[in-house]
N, C-alpha and C. Protein backbone atom coordinates (compact mmCIF):
# COMPACT_ATOMS: atom_id res chain seq x y z
N MET A 1 0.83 -1.19 0.00
CA MET A 1 0.00 0.00 0.00
C MET A 1 0.87 1.26 0.00
N LYS A 2 1.99 1.20 0.73
CA LYS A 2 2.88 2.35 0.81
C LYS A 2 3.43 2.69 -0.58
N TYR A 3 3.83 1.67 -1.35
CA TYR A 3 4.37 1.90 -2.69
C TYR A 3 3.30 2.44 -3.62
N PHE A 4 2.08 1.97 -3.45
CA PHE A 4 0.97 2.45 -4.28
C PHE A 4 0.75 3.95 -4.06
N ALA A 5 0.73 4.37 -2.80
CA ALA A 5 0.53 5.79 -2.48
C ALA A 5 1.68 6.63 -3.02
N GLN A 6 2.91 6.13 -2.90
CA GLN A 6 4.06 6.86 -3.43
C GLN A 6 3.98 6.97 -4.96
N SER A 7 3.54 5.90 -5.60
CA SER A 7 3.42 5.92 -7.06
C SER A 7 2.38 6.93 -7.51
N ILE A 8 1.25 6.94 -6.84
CA ILE A 8 0.19 7.91 -7.17
C ILE A 8 0.70 9.33 -6.98
N PHE A 9 1.39 9.58 -5.87
CA PHE A 9 1.93 10.91 -5.60
C PHE A 9 2.93 11.32 -6.69
N ALA A 10 3.80 10.39 -7.08
CA ALA A 10 4.80 10.69 -8.11
C ALA A 10 4.13 11.01 -9.45
N ILE A 11 3.09 10.27 -9.79
CA ILE A 11 2.37 10.51 -11.04
C ILE A 11 1.70 11.88 -11.01
N LEU A 12 1.03 12.19 -9.90
CA LEU A 12 0.38 13.50 -9.78
C LEU A 12 1.39 14.64 -9.87
N LEU A 13 2.53 14.46 -9.24
CA LEU A 13 3.57 15.48 -9.28
C LEU A 13 4.08 15.68 -10.71
N ALA A 14 4.30 14.59 -11.42
CA ALA A 14 4.78 14.68 -12.81
C ALA A 14 3.76 15.35 -13.71
N VAL A 15 2.49 14.98 -13.56
CA VAL A 15 1.44 15.58 -14.38
C VAL A 15 1.31 17.07 -14.09
N THR A 16 1.35 17.44 -12.83
CA THR A 16 1.26 18.86 -12.46
C THR A 16 2.43 19.64 -13.04
N ALA A 17 3.62 19.09 -12.95
CA ALA A 17 4.81 19.77 -13.49
C ALA A 17 4.71 19.93 -15.00
N SER A 18 4.22 18.90 -15.69
CA SER A 18 4.12 19.01 -17.15
C SER A 18 3.09 20.05 -17.55
N PHE A 19 1.97 20.15 -16.82
CA PHE A 19 0.98 21.19 -17.12
C PHE A 19 1.54 22.57 -16.85
N ALA A 20 2.30 22.72 -15.78
CA ALA A 20 2.89 24.03 -15.47
C ALA A 20 3.84 24.46 -16.57
N ASN A 21 4.68 23.53 -17.05
CA ASN A 21 5.60 23.86 -18.13
C ASN A 21 4.85 24.19 -19.41
N GLU A 22 3.81 23.44 -19.72
CA GLU A 22 3.01 23.69 -20.92
C GLU A 22 2.35 25.06 -20.85
N THR A 23 1.84 25.43 -19.71
CA THR A 23 1.20 26.74 -19.54
C THR A 23 2.21 27.85 -19.75
N ASP A 24 3.41 27.71 -19.19
CA ASP A 24 4.44 28.73 -19.36
C ASP A 24 4.77 28.93 -20.82
N VAL A 25 4.95 27.84 -21.55
CA VAL A 25 5.29 27.93 -22.97
C VAL A 25 4.15 28.60 -23.73
N ASN A 26 2.91 28.19 -23.47
CA ASN A 26 1.77 28.78 -24.17
C ASN A 26 1.61 30.25 -23.83
N ASP A 27 1.84 30.64 -22.58
CA ASP A 27 1.73 32.04 -22.20
C ASP A 27 2.71 32.87 -23.00
N ASN A 28 3.95 32.39 -23.10
CA ASN A 28 4.96 33.12 -23.85
C ASN A 28 4.62 33.18 -25.33
N ALA A 29 4.00 32.14 -25.85
CA ALA A 29 3.64 32.12 -27.26
C ALA A 29 2.46 33.05 -27.56
N LEU A 30 1.65 33.38 -26.57
CA LEU A 30 0.49 34.25 -26.78
C LEU A 30 0.84 35.73 -26.75
N ILE A 31 1.99 36.10 -26.18
CA ILE A 31 2.37 37.50 -26.07
C ILE A 31 3.59 37.74 -26.96
N LEU A 32 3.41 38.59 -27.96
CA LEU A 32 4.43 38.82 -28.98
C LEU A 32 4.85 40.28 -29.03
N LYS A 33 6.07 40.54 -29.47
CA LYS A 33 6.58 41.91 -29.63
C LYS A 33 6.12 42.47 -30.98
N GLY A 34 5.61 43.68 -30.97
CA GLY A 34 5.09 44.31 -32.17
C GLY A 34 6.12 44.56 -33.25
N SER A 35 7.38 44.70 -32.88
CA SER A 35 8.42 44.98 -33.87
C SER A 35 8.65 43.79 -34.79
N GLU A 36 8.20 42.62 -34.40
CA GLU A 36 8.44 41.40 -35.17
C GLU A 36 7.18 40.92 -35.88
N ILE A 37 6.13 41.74 -35.95
CA ILE A 37 4.81 41.28 -36.36
C ILE A 37 4.33 41.91 -37.65
N ASN A 38 3.69 41.07 -38.47
CA ASN A 38 2.93 41.54 -39.62
C ASN A 38 1.49 41.06 -39.37
N LEU A 39 0.57 41.98 -39.21
CA LEU A 39 -0.82 41.62 -38.88
C LEU A 39 -1.45 40.68 -39.91
N ASP A 40 -1.01 40.76 -41.15
CA ASP A 40 -1.57 39.88 -42.19
C ASP A 40 -1.31 38.41 -41.88
N ASP A 41 -0.28 38.12 -41.10
CA ASP A 41 0.02 36.73 -40.74
C ASP A 41 -1.07 36.10 -39.87
N PHE A 42 -1.92 36.92 -39.27
CA PHE A 42 -2.95 36.42 -38.37
C PHE A 42 -4.33 36.32 -39.03
N LEU A 43 -4.45 36.80 -40.28
CA LEU A 43 -5.75 36.79 -40.95
C LEU A 43 -6.35 35.39 -40.95
N TRP A 44 -7.60 35.30 -40.52
CA TRP A 44 -8.41 34.09 -40.49
C TRP A 44 -7.87 33.02 -39.54
N ILE A 45 -6.85 33.35 -38.76
CA ILE A 45 -6.26 32.39 -37.81
C ILE A 45 -6.44 32.84 -36.37
N ASN A 46 -6.09 34.09 -36.08
CA ASN A 46 -6.13 34.62 -34.71
C ASN A 46 -6.83 35.96 -34.65
N ARG A 47 -7.19 36.33 -33.43
CA ARG A 47 -7.72 37.66 -33.12
C ARG A 47 -6.65 38.41 -32.34
N PRO A 48 -5.90 39.27 -32.98
CA PRO A 48 -4.87 40.02 -32.24
C PRO A 48 -5.47 41.06 -31.30
N ILE A 49 -4.91 41.14 -30.11
CA ILE A 49 -5.14 42.28 -29.22
C ILE A 49 -3.81 43.02 -29.20
N VAL A 50 -3.83 44.25 -29.68
CA VAL A 50 -2.61 45.05 -29.75
C VAL A 50 -2.63 46.04 -28.59
N VAL A 51 -1.57 46.04 -27.80
CA VAL A 51 -1.44 46.96 -26.67
C VAL A 51 -0.25 47.87 -26.97
N LEU A 52 -0.56 49.15 -27.18
CA LEU A 52 0.47 50.13 -27.52
C LEU A 52 0.62 51.14 -26.39
N ALA A 53 1.85 51.57 -26.16
CA ALA A 53 2.12 52.60 -25.15
C ALA A 53 3.42 53.29 -25.53
N ASP A 54 3.65 54.45 -24.93
CA ASP A 54 4.88 55.18 -25.22
C ASP A 54 6.09 54.65 -24.46
N SER A 55 5.85 53.82 -23.44
CA SER A 55 6.96 53.18 -22.72
C SER A 55 6.43 51.97 -21.97
N PRO A 56 7.31 50.99 -21.71
CA PRO A 56 6.87 49.81 -20.95
C PRO A 56 6.51 50.14 -19.51
N GLY A 57 6.89 51.33 -19.03
CA GLY A 57 6.57 51.73 -17.67
C GLY A 57 5.26 52.49 -17.54
N ASP A 58 4.58 52.73 -18.65
CA ASP A 58 3.28 53.43 -18.62
C ASP A 58 2.34 52.65 -17.69
N PRO A 59 1.78 53.28 -16.65
CA PRO A 59 0.92 52.57 -15.71
C PRO A 59 -0.27 51.89 -16.39
N ARG A 60 -0.80 52.47 -17.45
CA ARG A 60 -1.92 51.85 -18.16
C ARG A 60 -1.46 50.59 -18.88
N PHE A 61 -0.26 50.62 -19.45
CA PHE A 61 0.29 49.44 -20.11
C PHE A 61 0.53 48.33 -19.09
N VAL A 62 1.14 48.68 -17.97
CA VAL A 62 1.42 47.69 -16.91
C VAL A 62 0.11 47.06 -16.43
N GLU A 63 -0.91 47.87 -16.20
CA GLU A 63 -2.21 47.36 -15.74
C GLU A 63 -2.85 46.47 -16.79
N GLN A 64 -2.81 46.89 -18.06
CA GLN A 64 -3.42 46.09 -19.12
C GLN A 64 -2.75 44.73 -19.24
N MET A 65 -1.44 44.70 -19.19
CA MET A 65 -0.73 43.43 -19.31
C MET A 65 -1.02 42.53 -18.10
N ARG A 66 -1.15 43.11 -16.92
CA ARG A 66 -1.52 42.32 -15.74
C ARG A 66 -2.89 41.69 -15.94
N LEU A 67 -3.84 42.49 -16.42
CA LEU A 67 -5.20 41.98 -16.65
C LEU A 67 -5.21 40.86 -17.69
N LEU A 68 -4.44 41.01 -18.74
CA LEU A 68 -4.40 39.99 -19.79
C LEU A 68 -3.72 38.72 -19.29
N ARG A 69 -2.61 38.86 -18.58
CA ARG A 69 -1.88 37.68 -18.10
C ARG A 69 -2.70 36.86 -17.10
N GLU A 70 -3.53 37.54 -16.31
CA GLU A 70 -4.35 36.83 -15.33
C GLU A 70 -5.32 35.85 -15.98
N ARG A 71 -5.71 36.11 -17.22
CA ARG A 71 -6.74 35.28 -17.85
C ARG A 71 -6.32 34.82 -19.25
N LEU A 72 -5.04 34.52 -19.43
CA LEU A 72 -4.56 34.07 -20.74
C LEU A 72 -5.30 32.83 -21.27
N PRO A 73 -5.65 31.86 -20.42
CA PRO A 73 -6.38 30.70 -20.96
C PRO A 73 -7.71 31.10 -21.62
N ASP A 74 -8.40 32.09 -21.07
CA ASP A 74 -9.65 32.56 -21.69
C ASP A 74 -9.38 33.17 -23.06
N LEU A 75 -8.27 33.88 -23.18
CA LEU A 75 -7.91 34.47 -24.47
C LEU A 75 -7.51 33.39 -25.47
N LYS A 76 -6.76 32.41 -25.00
CA LYS A 76 -6.35 31.31 -25.87
C LYS A 76 -7.57 30.58 -26.43
N ASP A 77 -8.59 30.38 -25.60
CA ASP A 77 -9.82 29.72 -26.05
C ASP A 77 -10.49 30.48 -27.19
N ARG A 78 -10.22 31.76 -27.28
CA ARG A 78 -10.84 32.61 -28.31
C ARG A 78 -9.86 32.93 -29.44
N ASP A 79 -8.78 32.17 -29.53
CA ASP A 79 -7.77 32.34 -30.59
C ASP A 79 -7.13 33.72 -30.57
N VAL A 80 -6.92 34.27 -29.39
CA VAL A 80 -6.32 35.60 -29.25
C VAL A 80 -4.81 35.48 -29.11
N VAL A 81 -4.10 36.40 -29.76
CA VAL A 81 -2.68 36.62 -29.49
C VAL A 81 -2.55 38.08 -29.03
N VAL A 82 -1.67 38.32 -28.10
CA VAL A 82 -1.45 39.67 -27.58
C VAL A 82 -0.16 40.20 -28.21
N ILE A 83 -0.25 41.37 -28.80
CA ILE A 83 0.91 41.99 -29.44
C ILE A 83 1.19 43.30 -28.71
N THR A 84 2.43 43.49 -28.28
CA THR A 84 2.78 44.70 -27.55
C THR A 84 3.76 45.55 -28.35
N ASP A 85 3.62 46.86 -28.19
CA ASP A 85 4.55 47.81 -28.81
C ASP A 85 4.70 49.00 -27.87
N THR A 86 5.87 49.12 -27.27
CA THR A 86 6.12 50.23 -26.34
C THR A 86 7.29 51.09 -26.80
N GLU A 87 7.57 51.06 -28.09
CA GLU A 87 8.69 51.83 -28.65
C GLU A 87 8.21 52.74 -29.77
N PRO A 88 7.67 53.91 -29.45
CA PRO A 88 7.15 54.79 -30.50
C PRO A 88 8.22 55.27 -31.48
N SER A 89 9.46 55.29 -31.06
CA SER A 89 10.53 55.76 -31.94
C SER A 89 10.82 54.79 -33.08
N GLN A 90 10.39 53.53 -32.97
CA GLN A 90 10.68 52.53 -34.00
C GLN A 90 9.77 52.64 -35.22
N LYS A 91 8.67 53.36 -35.13
CA LYS A 91 7.75 53.54 -36.27
C LYS A 91 7.40 52.20 -36.93
N THR A 92 6.95 51.26 -36.12
CA THR A 92 6.60 49.93 -36.63
C THR A 92 5.37 50.01 -37.53
N ASP A 93 5.14 48.93 -38.29
CA ASP A 93 3.94 48.85 -39.14
C ASP A 93 2.68 49.00 -38.29
N LEU A 94 2.70 48.42 -37.08
CA LEU A 94 1.54 48.53 -36.18
C LEU A 94 1.23 49.99 -35.88
N ARG A 95 2.24 50.75 -35.55
CA ARG A 95 2.03 52.16 -35.20
C ARG A 95 1.57 52.97 -36.41
N GLN A 96 2.09 52.66 -37.57
CA GLN A 96 1.67 53.39 -38.77
C GLN A 96 0.23 53.07 -39.13
N LYS A 97 -0.16 51.81 -38.92
CA LYS A 97 -1.53 51.41 -39.25
C LYS A 97 -2.54 51.90 -38.21
N LEU A 98 -2.20 51.79 -36.92
CA LEU A 98 -3.16 52.07 -35.85
C LEU A 98 -3.08 53.50 -35.31
N ARG A 99 -1.98 54.20 -35.53
CA ARG A 99 -1.78 55.60 -35.13
C ARG A 99 -2.19 55.90 -33.68
N PRO A 100 -1.52 55.26 -32.73
CA PRO A 100 -1.87 55.50 -31.32
C PRO A 100 -1.38 56.86 -30.84
N ARG A 101 -2.06 57.37 -29.84
CA ARG A 101 -1.61 58.56 -29.12
C ARG A 101 -1.47 58.15 -27.67
N GLY A 102 -0.28 57.80 -27.28
CA GLY A 102 -0.07 57.28 -25.93
C GLY A 102 -0.54 55.84 -25.84
N PHE A 103 -1.21 55.51 -24.75
CA PHE A 103 -1.71 54.14 -24.56
C PHE A 103 -2.92 53.87 -25.45
N MET A 104 -2.97 52.66 -26.00
CA MET A 104 -4.15 52.25 -26.76
C MET A 104 -4.25 50.73 -26.78
N LEU A 105 -5.47 50.24 -26.61
CA LEU A 105 -5.80 48.83 -26.72
C LEU A 105 -6.64 48.66 -27.97
N VAL A 106 -6.25 47.72 -28.84
CA VAL A 106 -6.99 47.49 -30.08
C VAL A 106 -7.26 46.00 -30.21
N LEU A 107 -8.52 45.65 -30.46
CA LEU A 107 -8.91 44.28 -30.75
C LEU A 107 -9.16 44.18 -32.25
N ILE A 108 -8.49 43.24 -32.90
CA ILE A 108 -8.62 43.04 -34.34
C ILE A 108 -9.25 41.68 -34.56
N GLY A 109 -10.26 41.62 -35.41
CA GLY A 109 -10.94 40.37 -35.71
C GLY A 109 -10.12 39.49 -36.63
N LYS A 110 -10.55 38.25 -36.77
CA LYS A 110 -9.87 37.33 -37.67
C LYS A 110 -9.91 37.82 -39.12
N ASP A 111 -10.90 38.65 -39.43
CA ASP A 111 -11.01 39.20 -40.78
C ASP A 111 -10.09 40.40 -41.00
N GLY A 112 -9.36 40.81 -39.97
CA GLY A 112 -8.43 41.92 -40.08
C GLY A 112 -9.04 43.27 -39.75
N GLY A 113 -10.33 43.31 -39.46
CA GLY A 113 -10.99 44.56 -39.13
C GLY A 113 -10.82 44.94 -37.67
N ILE A 114 -10.76 46.24 -37.41
CA ILE A 114 -10.64 46.73 -36.03
C ILE A 114 -12.01 46.65 -35.37
N LYS A 115 -12.11 45.88 -34.30
CA LYS A 115 -13.38 45.65 -33.61
C LYS A 115 -13.54 46.51 -32.36
N LEU A 116 -12.42 46.93 -31.78
CA LEU A 116 -12.46 47.70 -30.54
C LEU A 116 -11.19 48.52 -30.45
N ARG A 117 -11.35 49.77 -30.03
CA ARG A 117 -10.20 50.67 -29.83
C ARG A 117 -10.47 51.43 -28.55
N LYS A 118 -9.60 51.28 -27.55
CA LYS A 118 -9.83 51.89 -26.24
C LYS A 118 -8.58 52.62 -25.75
N PRO A 119 -8.75 53.79 -25.13
CA PRO A 119 -7.62 54.56 -24.61
C PRO A 119 -7.26 54.22 -23.16
N SER A 120 -7.89 53.19 -22.61
CA SER A 120 -7.60 52.80 -21.23
C SER A 120 -7.70 51.28 -21.11
N PRO A 121 -7.13 50.70 -20.06
CA PRO A 121 -7.15 49.24 -19.90
C PRO A 121 -8.56 48.67 -19.79
N TRP A 122 -8.72 47.47 -20.33
CA TRP A 122 -9.97 46.71 -20.24
C TRP A 122 -9.66 45.35 -19.68
N ASN A 123 -10.59 44.80 -18.89
CA ASN A 123 -10.35 43.46 -18.36
C ASN A 123 -10.77 42.41 -19.38
N VAL A 124 -10.29 41.19 -19.17
CA VAL A 124 -10.52 40.11 -20.13
C VAL A 124 -12.00 39.74 -20.22
N ARG A 125 -12.73 39.89 -19.13
CA ARG A 125 -14.16 39.59 -19.19
C ARG A 125 -14.86 40.50 -20.19
N GLU A 126 -14.54 41.79 -20.17
CA GLU A 126 -15.15 42.74 -21.11
C GLU A 126 -14.72 42.42 -22.55
N ILE A 127 -13.44 42.13 -22.72
CA ILE A 127 -12.92 41.79 -24.06
C ILE A 127 -13.58 40.51 -24.56
N SER A 128 -13.71 39.52 -23.69
CA SER A 128 -14.33 38.24 -24.08
C SER A 128 -15.78 38.43 -24.51
N ARG A 129 -16.49 39.31 -23.84
CA ARG A 129 -17.89 39.58 -24.23
C ARG A 129 -17.96 40.15 -25.64
N ILE A 130 -17.06 41.07 -25.95
CA ILE A 130 -17.02 41.65 -27.30
C ILE A 130 -16.73 40.55 -28.32
N ILE A 131 -15.73 39.72 -28.04
CA ILE A 131 -15.36 38.65 -28.96
C ILE A 131 -16.51 37.67 -29.13
N ASP A 132 -17.15 37.29 -28.03
CA ASP A 132 -18.22 36.29 -28.09
C ASP A 132 -19.45 36.78 -28.85
N LYS A 133 -19.58 38.07 -29.06
CA LYS A 133 -20.69 38.62 -29.84
C LYS A 133 -20.39 38.67 -31.33
N MET A 134 -19.14 38.42 -31.71
CA MET A 134 -18.76 38.46 -33.12
C MET A 134 -19.37 37.27 -33.86
N PRO A 135 -19.88 37.49 -35.07
CA PRO A 135 -20.50 36.39 -35.82
C PRO A 135 -19.56 35.20 -36.02
N MET A 136 -18.30 35.45 -36.31
CA MET A 136 -17.37 34.34 -36.53
C MET A 136 -17.16 33.54 -35.25
N ARG A 137 -17.09 34.21 -34.11
CA ARG A 137 -16.92 33.51 -32.83
C ARG A 137 -18.17 32.70 -32.50
N ARG A 138 -19.35 33.26 -32.78
CA ARG A 138 -20.59 32.51 -32.54
C ARG A 138 -20.61 31.23 -33.37
N GLN A 139 -20.15 31.35 -34.61
CA GLN A 139 -20.09 30.18 -35.49
C GLN A 139 -19.10 29.15 -34.91
N GLU A 140 -17.97 29.62 -34.40
CA GLU A 140 -16.99 28.72 -33.79
C GLU A 140 -17.57 28.02 -32.58
N MET A 141 -18.33 28.75 -31.75
CA MET A 141 -18.93 28.14 -30.55
C MET A 141 -19.96 27.09 -30.93
N ARG A 142 -20.75 27.37 -31.97
CA ARG A 142 -21.73 26.37 -32.42
C ARG A 142 -21.05 25.12 -32.95
N ALA A 143 -19.89 25.31 -33.58
CA ALA A 143 -19.15 24.18 -34.14
C ALA A 143 -18.32 23.46 -33.07
N GLY A 144 -18.31 24.01 -31.85
CA GLY A 144 -17.60 23.36 -30.76
C GLY A 144 -16.18 23.86 -30.59
N GLY A 145 -15.84 25.05 -31.12
CA GLY A 145 -14.46 25.55 -31.03
C GLY A 145 -14.26 26.61 -30.05
């Protein structure tokens, strides 16, 4: 019986560790740097959330990233990738296309259209509600996705 309990404990520990590692990898894969991004690469595949600020220390940027990181699994379920750009001097394609003034949160649909543009942080529950009302997302939910 002692060996059985130890075996069960070892299995649970291994499974927990593998899930923790998988979550870390997926979290890192969901948050991308804007300088390396072409939005066309996400057409019909993902819903980008673009978070722009004039510096990584902007309190609104810090708050937005905290809110997004707290609920990354919810975003992953909705095929969301988070793209950040905190370097206005780089004049990235994102900045030229979206033309932010300071902090800005932008939700882009799978069709490439801008669905939401906000000058202040939004929580994932609010963002998820917007996404879940999109016709393409409703179709995905009906299909079981």
